[in-house]
N, C-alpha and C. Protein backbone atom coordinates (compact mmCIF):
# COMPACT_ATOMS: atom_id res chain seq x y z
N MET A 1 106.96 92.47 100.43
CA MET A 1 107.59 93.51 101.23
C MET A 1 109.11 93.52 101.06
N GLU A 2 109.67 92.42 100.63
CA GLU A 2 111.12 92.34 100.50
C GLU A 2 111.68 93.44 99.59
N ARG A 3 110.92 93.79 98.56
CA ARG A 3 111.35 94.83 97.62
C ARG A 3 111.61 96.17 98.32
N TRP A 4 110.88 96.42 99.40
CA TRP A 4 110.95 97.71 100.07
C TRP A 4 111.90 97.73 101.27
N ARG A 5 112.48 96.57 101.63
CA ARG A 5 113.40 96.51 102.77
C ARG A 5 114.56 97.49 102.53
N GLY A 6 114.83 98.31 103.54
CA GLY A 6 115.90 99.29 103.45
C GLY A 6 115.52 100.58 102.74
N LYS A 7 114.31 100.63 102.21
CA LYS A 7 113.83 101.84 101.51
C LYS A 7 113.14 102.76 102.51
N VAL A 8 112.74 103.93 102.03
CA VAL A 8 112.12 104.95 102.89
C VAL A 8 110.66 105.12 102.52
N ALA A 9 109.81 105.13 103.55
CA ALA A 9 108.38 105.39 103.37
C ALA A 9 107.99 106.58 104.23
N ILE A 10 107.19 107.46 103.66
CA ILE A 10 106.58 108.55 104.42
C ILE A 10 105.13 108.18 104.64
N VAL A 11 104.69 108.23 105.90
CA VAL A 11 103.31 107.91 106.26
C VAL A 11 102.70 109.13 106.94
N THR A 12 101.64 109.69 106.35
CA THR A 12 100.96 110.82 106.98
C THR A 12 99.87 110.30 107.91
N GLY A 13 99.52 111.11 108.90
CA GLY A 13 98.50 110.68 109.85
C GLY A 13 98.93 109.43 110.59
N ALA A 14 100.21 109.40 110.99
CA ALA A 14 100.81 108.17 111.51
C ALA A 14 100.73 108.03 113.03
N SER A 15 100.11 108.97 113.72
CA SER A 15 100.14 108.91 115.18
C SER A 15 99.12 107.95 115.79
N ALA A 16 98.13 107.52 115.01
CA ALA A 16 97.10 106.64 115.57
C ALA A 16 96.41 105.86 114.45
N GLY A 17 95.63 104.88 114.85
CA GLY A 17 94.77 104.16 113.91
C GLY A 17 95.50 103.47 112.78
N ILE A 18 94.91 103.58 111.59
CA ILE A 18 95.46 102.92 110.40
C ILE A 18 96.88 103.40 110.12
N GLY A 19 97.14 104.69 110.25
CA GLY A 19 98.47 105.22 109.97
C GLY A 19 99.53 104.64 110.88
N ALA A 20 99.23 104.54 112.17
CA ALA A 20 100.18 103.96 113.12
C ALA A 20 100.42 102.49 112.81
N ALA A 21 99.36 101.76 112.50
CA ALA A 21 99.49 100.34 112.17
C ALA A 21 100.34 100.14 110.92
N ILE A 22 100.15 100.98 109.92
CA ILE A 22 100.95 100.90 108.69
C ILE A 22 102.41 101.19 109.00
N ALA A 23 102.67 102.24 109.77
CA ALA A 23 104.05 102.62 110.10
C ALA A 23 104.76 101.47 110.82
N VAL A 24 104.11 100.86 111.78
CA VAL A 24 104.71 99.76 112.53
C VAL A 24 104.97 98.56 111.62
N LYS A 25 103.99 98.19 110.82
CA LYS A 25 104.15 97.04 109.92
C LYS A 25 105.30 97.27 108.94
N LEU A 26 105.38 98.46 108.37
CA LEU A 26 106.47 98.77 107.45
C LEU A 26 107.82 98.68 108.15
N ALA A 27 107.93 99.29 109.33
CA ALA A 27 109.19 99.28 110.06
C ALA A 27 109.59 97.85 110.43
N LYS A 28 108.64 97.05 110.86
CA LYS A 28 108.94 95.66 111.21
C LYS A 28 109.33 94.83 109.99
N SER A 29 109.02 95.35 108.81
CA SER A 29 109.41 94.68 107.56
C SER A 29 110.72 95.22 107.01
N GLY A 30 111.38 96.08 107.79
CA GLY A 30 112.69 96.58 107.38
C GLY A 30 112.67 97.89 106.62
N VAL A 31 111.53 98.55 106.56
CA VAL A 31 111.42 99.84 105.88
C VAL A 31 111.74 100.95 106.88
N HIS A 32 112.42 101.98 106.42
CA HIS A 32 112.70 103.16 107.24
C HIS A 32 111.53 104.12 107.06
N VAL A 33 110.77 104.32 108.12
CA VAL A 33 109.52 105.06 108.06
C VAL A 33 109.71 106.47 108.61
N VAL A 34 109.21 107.44 107.86
CA VAL A 34 109.12 108.81 108.36
C VAL A 34 107.65 109.03 108.68
N ALA A 35 107.34 109.04 109.97
CA ALA A 35 105.96 109.13 110.45
C ALA A 35 105.61 110.60 110.69
N LEU A 36 104.58 111.06 109.99
CA LEU A 36 104.14 112.46 110.11
C LEU A 36 102.80 112.52 110.83
N ALA A 37 102.69 113.46 111.74
CA ALA A 37 101.42 113.74 112.42
C ALA A 37 101.60 115.02 113.22
N ARG A 38 100.51 115.50 113.78
CA ARG A 38 100.57 116.73 114.58
C ARG A 38 100.86 116.45 116.04
N ARG A 39 100.53 115.26 116.53
CA ARG A 39 100.63 114.96 117.96
C ARG A 39 101.97 114.32 118.29
N GLU A 40 102.89 115.14 118.78
CA GLU A 40 104.26 114.71 119.05
C GLU A 40 104.32 113.57 120.07
N ASN A 41 103.51 113.64 121.11
CA ASN A 41 103.56 112.61 122.15
C ASN A 41 103.20 111.23 121.58
N LEU A 42 102.21 111.18 120.70
CA LEU A 42 101.82 109.90 120.10
C LEU A 42 102.87 109.42 119.11
N LEU A 43 103.52 110.33 118.41
CA LEU A 43 104.61 109.94 117.51
C LEU A 43 105.76 109.32 118.29
N LYS A 44 106.10 109.91 119.43
CA LYS A 44 107.19 109.37 120.26
C LYS A 44 106.85 107.96 120.73
N GLU A 45 105.61 107.76 121.18
CA GLU A 45 105.18 106.43 121.61
C GLU A 45 105.27 105.44 120.45
N LEU A 46 104.87 105.87 119.28
CA LEU A 46 104.93 105.02 118.10
C LEU A 46 106.37 104.58 117.82
N ALA A 47 107.29 105.52 117.83
CA ALA A 47 108.69 105.20 117.54
C ALA A 47 109.26 104.24 118.57
N GLU A 48 108.87 104.40 119.82
CA GLU A 48 109.38 103.53 120.89
C GLU A 48 108.90 102.09 120.74
N THR A 49 107.79 101.87 120.07
CA THR A 49 107.28 100.50 119.91
C THR A 49 108.11 99.70 118.93
N VAL A 50 108.88 100.36 118.09
CA VAL A 50 109.61 99.66 117.03
C VAL A 50 111.12 99.86 117.12
N ASN A 51 111.57 101.06 117.29
CA ASN A 51 113.00 101.36 117.21
C ASN A 51 113.80 100.53 118.20
N ASP A 52 114.96 100.11 117.77
CA ASP A 52 115.90 99.28 118.53
C ASP A 52 115.40 97.85 118.74
N LYS A 53 114.29 97.46 118.14
CA LYS A 53 113.79 96.10 118.29
C LYS A 53 113.71 95.37 116.96
N ASP A 54 113.62 96.10 115.88
CA ASP A 54 113.35 95.49 114.59
C ASP A 54 114.33 96.00 113.54
N ASN A 55 114.12 95.60 112.32
CA ASN A 55 115.03 95.95 111.24
C ASN A 55 114.88 97.38 110.76
N GLY A 56 113.67 97.89 110.76
CA GLY A 56 113.43 99.24 110.26
C GLY A 56 113.54 100.26 111.37
N THR A 57 113.33 101.49 111.00
CA THR A 57 113.39 102.60 111.94
C THR A 57 112.18 103.48 111.70
N ILE A 58 111.69 104.09 112.76
CA ILE A 58 110.65 105.10 112.60
C ILE A 58 111.24 106.45 113.01
N TYR A 59 111.33 107.34 112.04
CA TYR A 59 111.71 108.72 112.28
C TYR A 59 110.40 109.50 112.43
N THR A 60 110.31 110.33 113.44
CA THR A 60 109.07 111.08 113.64
C THR A 60 109.28 112.54 113.29
N LYS A 61 108.29 113.10 112.63
CA LYS A 61 108.30 114.52 112.28
C LYS A 61 106.92 115.09 112.58
N VAL A 62 106.88 116.07 113.47
CA VAL A 62 105.63 116.77 113.71
C VAL A 62 105.35 117.61 112.48
N CYS A 63 104.21 117.37 111.84
CA CYS A 63 103.91 118.06 110.59
C CYS A 63 102.41 118.15 110.40
N ASP A 64 101.92 119.35 110.24
CA ASP A 64 100.53 119.57 109.85
C ASP A 64 100.53 119.57 108.33
N VAL A 65 100.03 118.51 107.72
CA VAL A 65 100.12 118.37 106.27
C VAL A 65 99.23 119.36 105.52
N THR A 66 98.40 120.12 106.23
CA THR A 66 97.65 121.19 105.57
C THR A 66 98.50 122.45 105.40
N ASN A 67 99.71 122.42 105.95
CA ASN A 67 100.66 123.53 105.82
C ASN A 67 101.67 123.15 104.72
N GLU A 68 101.52 123.76 103.56
CA GLU A 68 102.36 123.40 102.41
C GLU A 68 103.84 123.51 102.71
N GLN A 69 104.26 124.57 103.38
CA GLN A 69 105.69 124.74 103.66
C GLN A 69 106.19 123.65 104.59
N ALA A 70 105.38 123.26 105.57
CA ALA A 70 105.78 122.18 106.48
C ALA A 70 106.00 120.88 105.71
N VAL A 71 105.12 120.61 104.75
CA VAL A 71 105.26 119.40 103.92
C VAL A 71 106.54 119.49 103.08
N LYS A 72 106.77 120.63 102.46
CA LYS A 72 107.99 120.81 101.67
C LYS A 72 109.24 120.62 102.53
N ASP A 73 109.20 121.14 103.76
CA ASP A 73 110.35 121.00 104.66
C ASP A 73 110.62 119.54 104.99
N VAL A 74 109.57 118.76 105.23
CA VAL A 74 109.75 117.34 105.52
C VAL A 74 110.36 116.62 104.33
N PHE A 75 109.83 116.86 103.14
CA PHE A 75 110.38 116.20 101.96
C PHE A 75 111.83 116.61 101.71
N SER A 76 112.15 117.86 101.98
CA SER A 76 113.53 118.33 101.85
C SER A 76 114.44 117.58 102.82
N TRP A 77 113.96 117.41 104.06
CA TRP A 77 114.73 116.67 105.07
C TRP A 77 114.92 115.21 104.63
N VAL A 78 113.86 114.60 104.14
CA VAL A 78 113.95 113.20 103.69
C VAL A 78 114.94 113.09 102.53
N ASP A 79 114.88 114.02 101.59
CA ASP A 79 115.81 114.01 100.46
C ASP A 79 117.26 114.10 100.94
N SER A 80 117.53 115.07 101.80
CA SER A 80 118.92 115.33 102.20
C SER A 80 119.44 114.33 103.21
N THR A 81 118.57 113.77 104.04
CA THR A 81 119.00 112.87 105.10
C THR A 81 118.92 111.40 104.71
N LEU A 82 117.86 111.03 104.00
CA LEU A 82 117.60 109.61 103.73
C LEU A 82 117.63 109.25 102.25
N GLY A 83 117.82 110.24 101.39
CA GLY A 83 117.91 109.96 99.96
C GLY A 83 116.60 109.90 99.21
N GLY A 84 115.53 110.37 99.83
CA GLY A 84 114.23 110.42 99.16
C GLY A 84 113.36 109.22 99.47
N PRO A 85 112.05 109.39 99.38
CA PRO A 85 111.13 108.29 99.68
C PRO A 85 110.90 107.38 98.48
N SER A 86 110.71 106.11 98.77
CA SER A 86 110.26 105.15 97.76
C SER A 86 108.76 104.94 97.85
N ILE A 87 108.20 105.26 99.02
CA ILE A 87 106.78 105.06 99.26
C ILE A 87 106.21 106.30 99.95
N LEU A 88 105.05 106.73 99.50
CA LEU A 88 104.26 107.72 100.24
C LEU A 88 102.92 107.07 100.54
N ILE A 89 102.54 107.08 101.81
CA ILE A 89 101.21 106.62 102.18
C ILE A 89 100.46 107.82 102.74
N ASN A 90 99.52 108.32 101.95
CA ASN A 90 98.68 109.46 102.33
C ASN A 90 97.52 108.93 103.16
N ASN A 91 97.70 108.94 104.47
CA ASN A 91 96.69 108.41 105.36
C ASN A 91 95.95 109.50 106.14
N ALA A 92 96.56 110.66 106.30
CA ALA A 92 95.94 111.72 107.10
C ALA A 92 94.56 112.06 106.54
N GLY A 93 93.60 112.18 107.42
CA GLY A 93 92.25 112.51 106.99
C GLY A 93 91.38 112.86 108.18
N VAL A 94 90.23 113.42 107.87
CA VAL A 94 89.31 113.83 108.93
C VAL A 94 87.88 113.56 108.50
N VAL A 95 87.06 113.22 109.49
CA VAL A 95 85.61 113.11 109.29
C VAL A 95 84.98 114.13 110.22
N LYS A 96 84.29 115.09 109.65
CA LYS A 96 83.54 116.06 110.45
C LYS A 96 82.08 115.92 110.08
N VAL A 97 81.26 115.60 111.06
CA VAL A 97 79.83 115.49 110.80
C VAL A 97 79.29 116.90 110.61
N SER A 98 78.84 117.17 109.39
CA SER A 98 78.42 118.52 109.04
C SER A 98 77.44 118.44 107.88
N SER A 99 76.21 118.76 108.15
CA SER A 99 75.15 118.66 107.15
C SER A 99 75.34 119.64 106.00
N LEU A 100 74.92 119.21 104.83
CA LEU A 100 74.91 120.12 103.68
C LEU A 100 73.86 121.21 103.85
N LEU A 101 72.87 120.96 104.69
CA LEU A 101 71.77 121.91 104.88
C LEU A 101 72.09 123.00 105.89
N ASN A 102 72.89 122.65 106.91
CA ASN A 102 73.16 123.65 107.94
C ASN A 102 74.58 123.54 108.51
N GLY A 103 75.48 122.94 107.75
CA GLY A 103 76.85 122.77 108.21
C GLY A 103 77.64 124.07 108.22
N LYS A 104 78.77 124.02 108.91
CA LYS A 104 79.65 125.19 109.00
C LYS A 104 80.69 125.16 107.89
N LEU A 105 80.90 126.32 107.29
CA LEU A 105 81.90 126.45 106.24
C LEU A 105 83.26 125.97 106.73
N GLU A 106 83.61 126.30 107.96
CA GLU A 106 84.91 125.91 108.52
C GLU A 106 85.07 124.39 108.50
N ASP A 107 84.01 123.66 108.86
CA ASP A 107 84.08 122.19 108.84
C ASP A 107 84.29 121.67 107.42
N TRP A 108 83.58 122.26 106.47
CA TRP A 108 83.72 121.85 105.07
C TRP A 108 85.13 122.12 104.56
N GLN A 109 85.65 123.31 104.89
CA GLN A 109 87.00 123.66 104.45
C GLN A 109 88.05 122.76 105.09
N ASP A 110 87.89 122.48 106.38
CA ASP A 110 88.83 121.59 107.07
C ASP A 110 88.84 120.21 106.40
N THR A 111 87.66 119.72 106.06
CA THR A 111 87.54 118.40 105.43
C THR A 111 88.28 118.38 104.10
N PHE A 112 88.03 119.36 103.26
CA PHE A 112 88.68 119.38 101.94
C PHE A 112 90.17 119.73 102.04
N ASN A 113 90.53 120.62 102.96
CA ASN A 113 91.95 120.97 103.10
C ASN A 113 92.80 119.77 103.48
N LEU A 114 92.29 118.92 104.37
CA LEU A 114 93.07 117.76 104.79
C LEU A 114 92.89 116.58 103.83
N ASN A 115 91.65 116.22 103.55
CA ASN A 115 91.39 115.01 102.77
C ASN A 115 91.76 115.13 101.30
N VAL A 116 91.74 116.33 100.76
CA VAL A 116 91.96 116.51 99.32
C VAL A 116 93.22 117.33 99.03
N ILE A 117 93.29 118.55 99.54
CA ILE A 117 94.40 119.44 99.20
C ILE A 117 95.72 118.93 99.79
N ALA A 118 95.74 118.59 101.08
CA ALA A 118 96.98 118.10 101.70
C ALA A 118 97.45 116.81 101.02
N LEU A 119 96.54 115.92 100.71
CA LEU A 119 96.87 114.69 100.00
C LEU A 119 97.52 115.02 98.66
N SER A 120 96.99 116.01 97.97
CA SER A 120 97.53 116.40 96.66
C SER A 120 98.92 117.03 96.80
N VAL A 121 99.11 117.86 97.82
CA VAL A 121 100.41 118.47 98.05
C VAL A 121 101.45 117.40 98.37
N CYS A 122 101.11 116.46 99.24
CA CYS A 122 102.04 115.38 99.58
C CYS A 122 102.36 114.53 98.36
N SER A 123 101.36 114.25 97.54
CA SER A 123 101.58 113.46 96.32
C SER A 123 102.51 114.20 95.36
N ARG A 124 102.27 115.50 95.21
CA ARG A 124 103.12 116.31 94.33
C ARG A 124 104.57 116.29 94.80
N GLU A 125 104.76 116.50 96.10
CA GLU A 125 106.12 116.54 96.64
C GLU A 125 106.78 115.16 96.55
N ALA A 126 106.01 114.10 96.73
CA ALA A 126 106.56 112.74 96.57
C ALA A 126 107.01 112.53 95.13
N TYR A 127 106.18 112.93 94.18
CA TYR A 127 106.54 112.81 92.76
C TYR A 127 107.84 113.56 92.48
N LYS A 128 107.92 114.80 92.94
CA LYS A 128 109.13 115.59 92.69
C LYS A 128 110.37 114.93 93.29
N SER A 129 110.24 114.45 94.52
CA SER A 129 111.37 113.82 95.19
C SER A 129 111.77 112.51 94.51
N MET A 130 110.78 111.68 94.21
CA MET A 130 111.07 110.40 93.56
C MET A 130 111.73 110.62 92.20
N THR A 131 111.24 111.59 91.47
CA THR A 131 111.81 111.89 90.15
C THR A 131 113.24 112.40 90.27
N LYS A 132 113.44 113.33 91.21
CA LYS A 132 114.78 113.90 91.42
C LYS A 132 115.79 112.82 91.83
N ASN A 133 115.33 111.89 92.67
CA ASN A 133 116.21 110.84 93.19
C ASN A 133 116.20 109.57 92.34
N LYS A 134 115.51 109.63 91.19
CA LYS A 134 115.43 108.48 90.27
C LYS A 134 114.90 107.23 90.97
N ILE A 135 113.80 107.41 91.68
CA ILE A 135 113.15 106.31 92.40
C ILE A 135 111.82 106.02 91.74
N ASP A 136 111.63 104.78 91.31
CA ASP A 136 110.33 104.34 90.78
C ASP A 136 109.51 103.87 91.97
N GLY A 137 108.92 104.82 92.66
CA GLY A 137 108.25 104.54 93.91
C GLY A 137 106.77 104.23 93.77
N HIS A 138 106.10 104.32 94.90
CA HIS A 138 104.68 103.99 94.98
C HIS A 138 103.99 105.00 95.88
N ILE A 139 102.95 105.64 95.36
CA ILE A 139 102.12 106.57 96.13
C ILE A 139 100.81 105.85 96.42
N ILE A 140 100.49 105.73 97.70
CA ILE A 140 99.29 105.01 98.12
C ILE A 140 98.37 105.97 98.86
N GLN A 141 97.16 106.11 98.34
CA GLN A 141 96.16 106.98 98.95
C GLN A 141 95.23 106.11 99.81
N ILE A 142 95.16 106.41 101.09
CA ILE A 142 94.18 105.73 101.94
C ILE A 142 92.88 106.50 101.76
N ASN A 143 91.98 105.89 101.02
CA ASN A 143 90.71 106.49 100.65
C ASN A 143 89.65 105.98 101.62
N SER A 144 88.49 105.66 101.16
CA SER A 144 87.40 105.15 101.98
C SER A 144 86.35 104.57 101.06
N ILE A 145 85.59 103.64 101.57
CA ILE A 145 84.44 103.15 100.81
C ILE A 145 83.51 104.32 100.48
N ALA A 146 83.57 105.37 101.30
CA ALA A 146 82.76 106.57 101.06
C ALA A 146 83.19 107.30 99.79
N GLY A 147 84.33 106.93 99.24
CA GLY A 147 84.79 107.51 97.99
C GLY A 147 84.24 106.81 96.76
N HIS A 148 83.40 105.81 97.00
CA HIS A 148 82.86 105.01 95.89
C HIS A 148 81.34 104.89 95.92
N CYS A 149 80.74 105.40 96.97
CA CYS A 149 79.28 105.33 97.10
C CYS A 149 78.82 106.46 98.01
N LEU A 150 77.53 106.63 98.12
CA LEU A 150 76.97 107.65 99.01
C LEU A 150 76.58 106.97 100.32
N THR A 151 77.18 107.39 101.42
CA THR A 151 76.85 106.78 102.71
C THR A 151 75.47 107.25 103.16
N PRO A 152 74.76 106.40 103.88
CA PRO A 152 73.39 106.74 104.27
C PRO A 152 73.31 107.64 105.50
N TYR A 153 74.43 108.05 106.05
CA TYR A 153 74.42 108.78 107.31
C TYR A 153 74.25 110.28 107.09
N PHE A 154 73.39 110.87 107.89
CA PHE A 154 73.15 112.31 107.83
C PHE A 154 74.42 113.03 108.29
N GLY A 155 74.80 114.06 107.58
CA GLY A 155 75.95 114.87 107.98
C GLY A 155 77.29 114.37 107.45
N PHE A 156 77.29 113.33 106.62
CA PHE A 156 78.54 112.77 106.10
C PHE A 156 78.78 113.07 104.63
N LYS A 157 77.91 113.85 104.00
CA LYS A 157 78.00 114.04 102.55
C LYS A 157 79.23 114.85 102.13
N MET A 158 79.68 115.78 102.95
CA MET A 158 80.90 116.52 102.60
C MET A 158 82.10 115.59 102.68
N TYR A 159 82.10 114.69 103.67
CA TYR A 159 83.15 113.67 103.74
C TYR A 159 83.10 112.79 102.50
N ASN A 160 81.87 112.35 102.12
CA ASN A 160 81.70 111.58 100.87
C ASN A 160 82.32 112.32 99.69
N ALA A 161 82.01 113.59 99.57
CA ALA A 161 82.51 114.39 98.45
C ALA A 161 84.04 114.44 98.46
N SER A 162 84.62 114.59 99.64
CA SER A 162 86.09 114.65 99.72
C SER A 162 86.72 113.33 99.30
N LYS A 163 86.11 112.23 99.68
CA LYS A 163 86.67 110.92 99.33
C LYS A 163 86.40 110.56 97.87
N HIS A 164 85.29 111.04 97.31
CA HIS A 164 85.09 110.88 95.86
C HIS A 164 86.18 111.66 95.12
N ALA A 165 86.54 112.83 95.64
CA ALA A 165 87.62 113.61 95.04
C ALA A 165 88.93 112.84 95.09
N VAL A 166 89.19 112.13 96.18
CA VAL A 166 90.41 111.32 96.28
C VAL A 166 90.42 110.24 95.20
N THR A 167 89.27 109.62 94.97
CA THR A 167 89.17 108.60 93.92
C THR A 167 89.54 109.18 92.56
N VAL A 168 88.98 110.34 92.25
CA VAL A 168 89.26 111.00 90.96
C VAL A 168 90.73 111.45 90.90
N LEU A 169 91.24 112.01 91.99
CA LEU A 169 92.63 112.47 92.00
C LEU A 169 93.61 111.31 91.84
N CYS A 170 93.29 110.17 92.42
CA CYS A 170 94.15 109.00 92.27
C CYS A 170 94.20 108.58 90.80
N ASP A 171 93.04 108.48 90.17
CA ASP A 171 93.00 108.14 88.75
C ASP A 171 93.71 109.20 87.91
N GLY A 172 93.50 110.47 88.25
CA GLY A 172 94.13 111.56 87.52
C GLY A 172 95.64 111.55 87.67
N LEU A 173 96.12 111.30 88.89
CA LEU A 173 97.56 111.23 89.13
C LEU A 173 98.18 110.09 88.34
N ARG A 174 97.52 108.94 88.37
CA ARG A 174 98.00 107.79 87.60
C ARG A 174 98.09 108.14 86.11
N HIS A 175 97.07 108.81 85.60
CA HIS A 175 97.04 109.19 84.19
C HIS A 175 98.17 110.17 83.85
N GLU A 176 98.35 111.19 84.68
CA GLU A 176 99.42 112.16 84.42
C GLU A 176 100.80 111.50 84.47
N LEU A 177 100.99 110.58 85.42
CA LEU A 177 102.27 109.87 85.50
C LEU A 177 102.52 109.04 84.25
N GLN A 178 101.47 108.39 83.75
CA GLN A 178 101.60 107.61 82.51
C GLN A 178 101.97 108.53 81.35
N LEU A 179 101.32 109.68 81.26
CA LEU A 179 101.63 110.62 80.18
C LEU A 179 103.07 111.12 80.24
N MET A 180 103.61 111.21 81.46
CA MET A 180 104.99 111.67 81.65
C MET A 180 106.00 110.53 81.44
N GLY A 181 105.51 109.31 81.27
CA GLY A 181 106.40 108.17 81.12
C GLY A 181 107.03 107.73 82.43
N SER A 182 106.44 108.13 83.54
CA SER A 182 106.96 107.78 84.86
C SER A 182 106.58 106.34 85.21
N LYS A 183 107.47 105.70 85.97
CA LYS A 183 107.18 104.35 86.45
C LYS A 183 106.68 104.36 87.90
N ILE A 184 106.42 105.55 88.43
CA ILE A 184 105.85 105.66 89.77
C ILE A 184 104.44 105.10 89.73
N LYS A 185 104.13 104.26 90.71
CA LYS A 185 102.81 103.63 90.77
C LYS A 185 101.91 104.40 91.75
N VAL A 186 100.61 104.32 91.50
CA VAL A 186 99.63 104.97 92.37
C VAL A 186 98.54 103.95 92.69
N SER A 187 98.21 103.85 93.97
CA SER A 187 97.14 102.95 94.40
C SER A 187 96.22 103.68 95.36
N SER A 188 94.99 103.21 95.41
CA SER A 188 94.01 103.73 96.36
C SER A 188 93.47 102.54 97.14
N ILE A 189 93.50 102.65 98.46
CA ILE A 189 92.95 101.61 99.33
C ILE A 189 91.77 102.22 100.06
N SER A 190 90.64 101.52 100.04
CA SER A 190 89.39 102.07 100.58
C SER A 190 88.85 101.23 101.73
N PRO A 191 89.32 101.49 102.96
CA PRO A 191 88.76 100.77 104.11
C PRO A 191 87.28 101.08 104.28
N GLY A 192 86.59 100.19 104.94
CA GLY A 192 85.17 100.44 105.21
C GLY A 192 84.39 99.32 104.71
C-alpha cells in the first residue's frame, strides 16, 4: 500500500458493503479516496468515519454511474482538483432476481447497465485521465465468482451473464492496454 500513499483512488458503489470497506481501508492507508454512490447520507457517514482521523481523505461525490455525463463530470473534477486518479475500483453493481423465463426487461437492462456498461464507462474515463496525467495506474474490477461459473440459483442467470461479461471485459481491457503500450494495470477480484 505504501506505493499508493498520497495518490488518488476513485471507488464506485462506495456507500455500503465492499465499496465502503475498500474506501475506508484505502483512506486509512493514506490514499485520497473519491467515493462515488447515489446515497448522499451514507456517503457523508462514510467520510465522517475517516476524515480528520487518518492520513487519507474521503471526498464524496453523489454519482449515478449509469449516467455517462455524471461519470465524465466526476473524472473532470478529479483531474482539475486532485490531478487525476491512480486507482479506479469499479465496485458498483446490482443483483436483481429475474428469471430468464419470465423476467422483466427493465431488470435485465438495469443489471447490464450498472454491472457492465457503467463499469466500462468508468474504466474508459479512468484510462483517459491516467493517460492525460501520465499516471501508470491500476483499474480494479470487483467481479464475482458468478463471473466464472453458473450459479445454481433460480433467477440469477442474468446476473451470471453480466459478471461473465465483466470477466471478458477485464481481459479485453488488459489486452487493449498492452496493444497501446500502456503500463496501466487491470485486475479482477471475484468475491464469493
